[in-house]
């Protein structure tokens, strides 16, 4: 089994990097109650990838502008601006806007892929192709996610402050909308680079389940982030290692391990009152 895993070492590295980046950002996603923002952004990113594939099938290309990651990021960025600036002045509730973006982006992606010869809708939008990660893909993921996490490390206090006490932040002169836009932008960047390999299901999993595990087990924000990162990395490694010898789809196997870890964390919280 070790030989087989080593054969896919770039894919394993890519999965671990995606797990790390999404687990950190997922804490903000869950605590701010914007889980469906994460789902909508992932779906928008997949629509951007579908648009790139559709343009390739038509023979249309403008160099790097029509690259999968670039178009995924541009479409996701449009969603980021909308979600960050969407306020009470609109008659449409935010949840309705999220639902609209999710459904329309999903349908648009499927329609675009259906017109692109040789594209697999199910794999692209649900499972991705995590085993297809190359050395170049892994290095791109490492560079982008590493940069985003460095930004979050430098601005850790600011992101927490504007996320969980925005009224006080405004009183102290923070531009909360701008900070929210920056947080959403980092989320969009990580989702855009992760989507091409991981797919909607796995990206959304890493944005939610590790954070939930961290919230169940962590005491204080440092503990929450620590447990979220640990559970995300463990799920990626264990799911990857189990999927190959058992001939299981890698993405769903990782999601299943994430669910088991979240369940164990919930049971641990019930068993040990100190965690409550």
Protein backbone atom coordinates (compact mmCIF):
# COMPACT_ATOMS: atom_id res chain seq x y z
CA UNK A 1 0.00 0.00 0.00
CA UNK A 2 2.88 2.35 0.78
CA UNK A 3 4.23 1.92 -2.75
CA UNK A 4 0.87 2.88 -4.23
CA UNK A 5 0.58 5.94 -1.98
CA UNK A 6 4.11 7.03 -2.92
CA UNK A 7 3.10 6.72 -6.57
CA UNK A 8 0.45 9.37 -5.93
CA UNK A 9 2.55 11.48 -3.56
CA UNK A 10 1.88 14.72 -5.46
CA UNK A 11 -1.86 14.06 -5.17
CA UNK A 12 -1.52 13.38 -1.45
CA UNK A 13 0.47 16.59 -0.98
CA UNK A 14 -2.18 18.51 -2.90
CA UNK A 15 -4.96 17.01 -0.78
CA UNK A 16 -3.13 17.94 2.43
CA UNK A 17 -2.55 21.50 1.25
CA UNK A 18 -6.21 21.91 0.29
CA UNK A 19 -7.24 20.46 3.66
CA UNK A 20 -4.94 22.87 5.50
CA UNK A 21 -6.10 26.00 3.70
CA UNK A 22 -9.80 25.21 3.75
CA UNK A 23 -9.73 24.08 7.40
CA UNK A 24 -8.33 27.43 8.53
CA UNK A 25 -10.76 29.47 6.44
CA UNK A 26 -13.59 27.13 7.38
CA UNK A 27 -13.43 28.28 11.00
CA UNK A 28 -14.47 31.75 9.86
CA UNK A 29 -17.07 30.29 7.51
CA UNK A 30 -18.74 28.28 10.28
CA UNK A 31 -18.45 30.81 13.11
CA UNK A 32 -19.74 33.66 10.96
CA UNK A 33 -22.65 31.46 9.84
CA UNK A 34 -21.76 31.88 6.17
CA UNK A 35 -21.60 28.17 5.38
CA UNK A 36 -23.79 28.65 2.35
CA UNK A 37 -21.54 31.46 1.15
CA UNK A 38 -18.78 28.84 1.00
CA UNK A 39 -21.05 26.48 -0.93
CA UNK A 40 -22.10 29.21 -3.36
CA UNK A 41 -18.49 30.31 -3.96
CA UNK A 42 -17.45 26.71 -4.62
CA UNK A 43 -20.27 26.36 -7.13
CA UNK A 44 -19.36 29.66 -8.79
CA UNK A 45 -15.76 28.51 -9.04
CA UNK A 46 -16.87 25.29 -10.73
CA UNK A 47 -18.89 27.37 -13.20
CA UNK A 48 -15.73 29.33 -14.00
CA UNK A 49 -13.86 26.09 -14.69
CA UNK A 50 -16.75 24.91 -16.88
CA UNK A 51 -16.59 28.20 -18.82
CA UNK A 52 -12.86 27.68 -19.41
CA UNK A 53 -13.48 24.12 -20.68
CA UNK A 54 -16.31 25.37 -22.91
CA UNK A 55 -14.08 28.06 -24.43
CA UNK A 56 -11.35 25.49 -25.01
CA UNK A 57 -13.85 23.27 -26.86
CA UNK A 58 -14.75 26.23 -29.09
CA UNK A 59 -11.09 26.93 -29.75
CA UNK A 60 -11.36 30.32 -28.06
CA UNK A 61 -8.40 31.37 -25.96
CA UNK A 62 -6.66 34.49 -24.80
CA UNK A 63 -3.63 32.96 -23.15
CA UNK A 64 -3.63 32.91 -19.35
CA UNK A 65 -6.94 34.82 -19.24
CA UNK A 66 -8.90 31.71 -20.17
CA UNK A 67 -6.99 29.37 -17.84
CA UNK A 68 -9.12 27.21 -15.57
CA UNK A 69 -7.85 28.73 -12.33
CA UNK A 70 -8.02 32.31 -13.63
CA UNK A 71 -11.61 32.06 -14.85
CA UNK A 72 -12.60 30.20 -11.69
CA UNK A 73 -11.11 33.01 -9.64
CA UNK A 74 -12.72 35.79 -11.70
CA UNK A 75 -16.19 34.24 -11.46
CA UNK A 76 -15.72 33.57 -7.75
CA UNK A 77 -14.46 37.13 -7.25
CA UNK A 78 -17.69 38.46 -8.72
CA UNK A 79 -19.57 36.41 -6.15
CA UNK A 80 -17.27 37.66 -3.37
CA UNK A 81 -18.01 41.30 -4.22
CA UNK A 82 -21.74 40.60 -4.30
CA UNK A 83 -21.84 38.68 -1.02
CA UNK A 84 -19.55 41.11 0.82
CA UNK A 85 -21.45 44.21 -0.26
CA UNK A 86 -24.96 42.75 -0.22
CA UNK A 87 -26.84 44.50 2.55
CA UNK A 88 -30.26 45.22 3.97
CA UNK A 89 -30.97 47.88 1.33
CA UNK A 90 -32.03 45.12 -1.07
CA UNK A 91 -35.48 43.60 -0.80
CA UNK A 92 -34.07 40.15 -1.62
CA UNK A 93 -32.91 38.41 1.61
CA UNK A 94 -29.25 37.30 1.68
CA UNK A 95 -30.20 33.61 1.91
CA UNK A 96 -32.25 33.93 -1.26
CA UNK A 97 -29.32 35.53 -3.05
CA UNK A 98 -27.06 32.67 -1.97
CA UNK A 99 -29.55 30.09 -3.15
CA UNK A 100 -29.95 31.87 -6.46
CA UNK A 101 -26.18 32.02 -7.01
CA UNK A 102 -25.76 28.35 -6.08
CA UNK A 103 -28.52 27.06 -8.35
CA UNK A 104 -27.78 29.29 -11.34
CA UNK A 105 -24.01 28.67 -11.17
CA UNK A 106 -24.57 24.92 -10.90
CA UNK A 107 -26.96 24.85 -13.84
CA UNK A 108 -24.72 27.10 -15.95
CA UNK A 109 -21.74 24.87 -15.24
CA UNK A 110 -23.58 21.70 -16.25
CA UNK A 111 -24.88 23.31 -19.45
CA UNK A 112 -21.43 24.57 -20.41
CA UNK A 113 -19.83 21.20 -19.71
CA UNK A 114 -22.58 19.42 -21.66
CA UNK A 115 -21.49 21.38 -24.73
CA UNK A 116 -17.79 20.60 -24.23
CA UNK A 117 -16.81 17.29 -25.84
CA UNK A 118 -15.35 14.66 -23.54
CA UNK A 119 -16.08 16.43 -20.24
CA UNK A 120 -17.38 14.47 -17.26
CA UNK A 121 -20.02 16.47 -15.39
CA UNK A 122 -20.20 14.20 -12.35
CA UNK A 123 -16.47 14.13 -11.70
CA UNK A 124 -16.02 17.87 -12.24
CA UNK A 125 -18.84 19.09 -10.05
CA UNK A 126 -18.91 16.48 -7.32
CA UNK A 127 -15.72 14.46 -6.93
CA UNK A 128 -13.09 16.40 -8.84
CA UNK A 129 -9.93 14.51 -9.79
CA UNK A 130 -7.78 14.56 -6.67
CA UNK A 131 -5.59 11.69 -7.94
CA UNK A 132 -4.84 13.69 -11.07
CA UNK A 133 -2.88 16.38 -9.19
CA UNK A 134 0.53 16.83 -10.81
CA UNK A 135 3.73 18.22 -9.31
CA UNK A 136 2.96 21.59 -10.92
CA UNK A 137 -0.56 21.56 -9.45
CA UNK A 138 0.80 20.70 -6.01
CA UNK A 139 3.38 23.48 -6.15
CA UNK A 140 0.72 25.99 -7.25
CA UNK A 141 -1.52 24.91 -4.38
CA UNK A 142 1.36 25.14 -1.93
CA UNK A 143 2.33 28.61 -3.10
CA UNK A 144 -1.19 30.06 -3.14
CA UNK A 145 -2.41 28.47 0.09
CA UNK A 146 0.87 29.31 1.83
CA UNK A 147 0.52 32.97 0.84
CA UNK A 148 -3.09 33.12 2.01
CA UNK A 149 -2.24 31.52 5.35
CA UNK A 150 0.65 33.95 5.80
CA UNK A 151 -1.80 36.83 5.30
CA UNK A 152 -4.14 35.29 7.86
CA UNK A 153 -1.31 34.84 10.35
CA UNK A 154 -0.33 38.51 10.01
CA UNK A 155 -3.93 39.76 10.24
CA UNK A 156 -5.23 37.17 12.70
CA UNK A 157 -6.43 39.63 15.37
CA UNK A 158 -8.04 41.96 12.84
CA UNK A 159 -9.95 39.18 11.09
CA UNK A 160 -11.23 37.83 14.41
CA UNK A 161 -12.19 41.28 15.65
CA UNK A 162 -14.21 42.35 12.61
CA UNK A 163 -15.75 38.87 12.31
CA UNK A 164 -17.09 38.50 15.83
CA UNK A 165 -17.55 42.07 17.09
CA UNK A 166 -18.16 44.23 14.01
CA UNK A 167 -20.00 46.95 15.93
CA UNK A 168 -17.06 47.53 18.26
CA UNK A 169 -14.70 47.36 15.29
CA UNK A 170 -16.64 50.13 13.56
CA UNK A 171 -16.56 52.19 16.75
CA UNK A 172 -12.76 51.87 16.81
CA UNK A 173 -12.48 52.99 13.20
CA UNK A 174 -12.15 49.68 11.37
CA UNK A 175 -13.57 49.58 7.85
CA UNK A 176 -15.57 46.41 8.44
CA UNK A 177 -16.81 46.10 4.85
CA UNK A 178 -13.27 46.29 3.54
CA UNK A 179 -12.03 43.68 6.02
CA UNK A 180 -14.96 41.41 5.12
CA UNK A 181 -14.12 41.83 1.45
CA UNK A 182 -10.49 40.89 2.13
CA UNK A 183 -11.55 37.80 4.10
CA UNK A 184 -13.91 36.74 1.32
CA UNK A 185 -11.16 37.39 -1.22
CA UNK A 186 -8.77 34.98 0.53
CA UNK A 187 -11.60 32.44 0.61
CA UNK A 188 -12.19 32.91 -3.13
CA UNK A 189 -8.50 32.44 -3.94
CA UNK A 190 -8.22 29.16 -2.05
CA UNK A 191 -11.49 27.83 -3.46
CA UNK A 192 -10.48 28.74 -7.02
CA UNK A 193 -7.17 26.86 -6.89
CA UNK A 194 -8.66 23.91 -4.99
CA UNK A 195 -11.75 23.41 -7.14
CA UNK A 196 -9.98 22.22 -10.28
CA UNK A 197 -8.63 19.17 -8.45
CA UNK A 198 -10.95 18.63 -5.49
CA UNK A 199 -14.44 19.34 -6.82
CA UNK A 200 -17.42 20.92 -5.05
CA UNK A 201 -18.05 18.07 -2.61
CA UNK A 202 -14.52 17.85 -1.20
CA UNK A 203 -13.92 21.61 -1.03
CA UNK A 204 -17.22 22.18 0.76
CA UNK A 205 -16.37 19.32 3.13
CA UNK A 206 -13.05 20.92 4.10
CA UNK A 207 -14.76 24.28 4.61
CA UNK A 208 -17.26 22.84 7.10
CA UNK A 209 -16.50 19.53 8.82
CA UNK A 210 -12.97 20.23 10.17
CA UNK A 211 -14.21 23.56 11.57
CA UNK A 212 -17.15 21.80 13.24
CA UNK A 213 -14.74 19.27 14.77
CA UNK A 214 -12.56 22.12 16.00
CA UNK A 215 -15.50 23.91 17.59
CA UNK A 216 -16.56 20.73 19.37
CA UNK A 217 -13.10 20.00 20.80
CA UNK A 218 -11.31 23.33 21.03
CA UNK A 219 -11.14 25.55 24.08
CA UNK A 220 -10.38 29.06 22.91
CA UNK A 221 -9.77 30.16 19.33
CA UNK A 222 -6.25 28.73 19.19
CA UNK A 223 -7.65 25.33 20.16
CA UNK A 224 -10.44 25.59 17.59
CA UNK A 225 -7.99 26.34 14.79
CA UNK A 226 -5.61 23.63 16.00
CA UNK A 227 -8.25 20.91 16.12
CA UNK A 228 -9.73 22.03 12.78
CA UNK A 229 -6.34 21.82 11.07
CA UNK A 230 -5.50 18.47 12.70
CA UNK A 231 -8.84 16.90 11.74
CA UNK A 232 -8.65 18.24 8.18
CA UNK A 233 -5.15 16.87 7.65
CA UNK A 234 -6.01 13.54 9.28
CA UNK A 235 -9.13 13.15 7.14
CA UNK A 236 -7.17 13.92 3.97
CA UNK A 237 -4.37 11.48 4.82
CA UNK A 238 -6.60 8.67 6.11
CA UNK A 239 -9.19 8.97 3.35
CA UNK A 240 -6.47 9.04 0.72
CA UNK A 241 -4.67 6.04 2.20
CA UNK A 242 -7.87 3.99 2.46
CA UNK A 243 -9.28 4.83 -0.96
CA UNK A 244 -6.43 3.43 -3.03
CA UNK A 245 -6.16 -0.16 -1.69
CA UNK A 246 -9.95 -0.42 -1.27
CA UNK A 247 -10.55 1.00 -4.76
CA UNK A 248 -12.85 3.73 -3.48
CA UNK A 249 -13.40 7.24 -4.91
CA UNK A 250 -10.82 9.34 -3.07
CA UNK A 251 -12.91 12.47 -2.54
CA UNK A 252 -15.93 10.74 -0.99
CA UNK A 253 -13.59 8.57 1.12
CA UNK A 254 -12.02 11.72 2.59
CA UNK A 255 -15.48 13.19 3.23
CA UNK A 256 -16.52 9.98 5.02
CA UNK A 257 -13.47 10.15 7.31
CA UNK A 258 -14.23 13.83 8.00
CA UNK A 259 -17.76 12.87 9.01
CA UNK A 260 -16.49 10.12 11.32
CA UNK A 261 -14.08 12.54 13.00
CA UNK A 262 -16.86 15.08 13.52
CA UNK A 263 -19.07 12.36 15.02
CA UNK A 264 -16.28 11.24 17.37
CA UNK A 265 -15.74 14.86 18.42
CA UNK A 266 -19.45 15.22 19.21
CA UNK A 267 -19.40 12.00 21.26
CA UNK A 268 -16.28 13.18 23.10
CA UNK A 269 -18.00 16.44 23.96
CA UNK A 270 -20.95 14.50 25.39
CA UNK A 271 -18.68 12.19 27.38
CA UNK A 272 -16.37 14.84 28.86
CA UNK A 273 -18.20 17.82 30.39
CA UNK A 274 -14.90 19.75 30.46
CA UNK A 275 -15.22 20.24 26.71
CA UNK A 276 -18.60 21.93 27.01
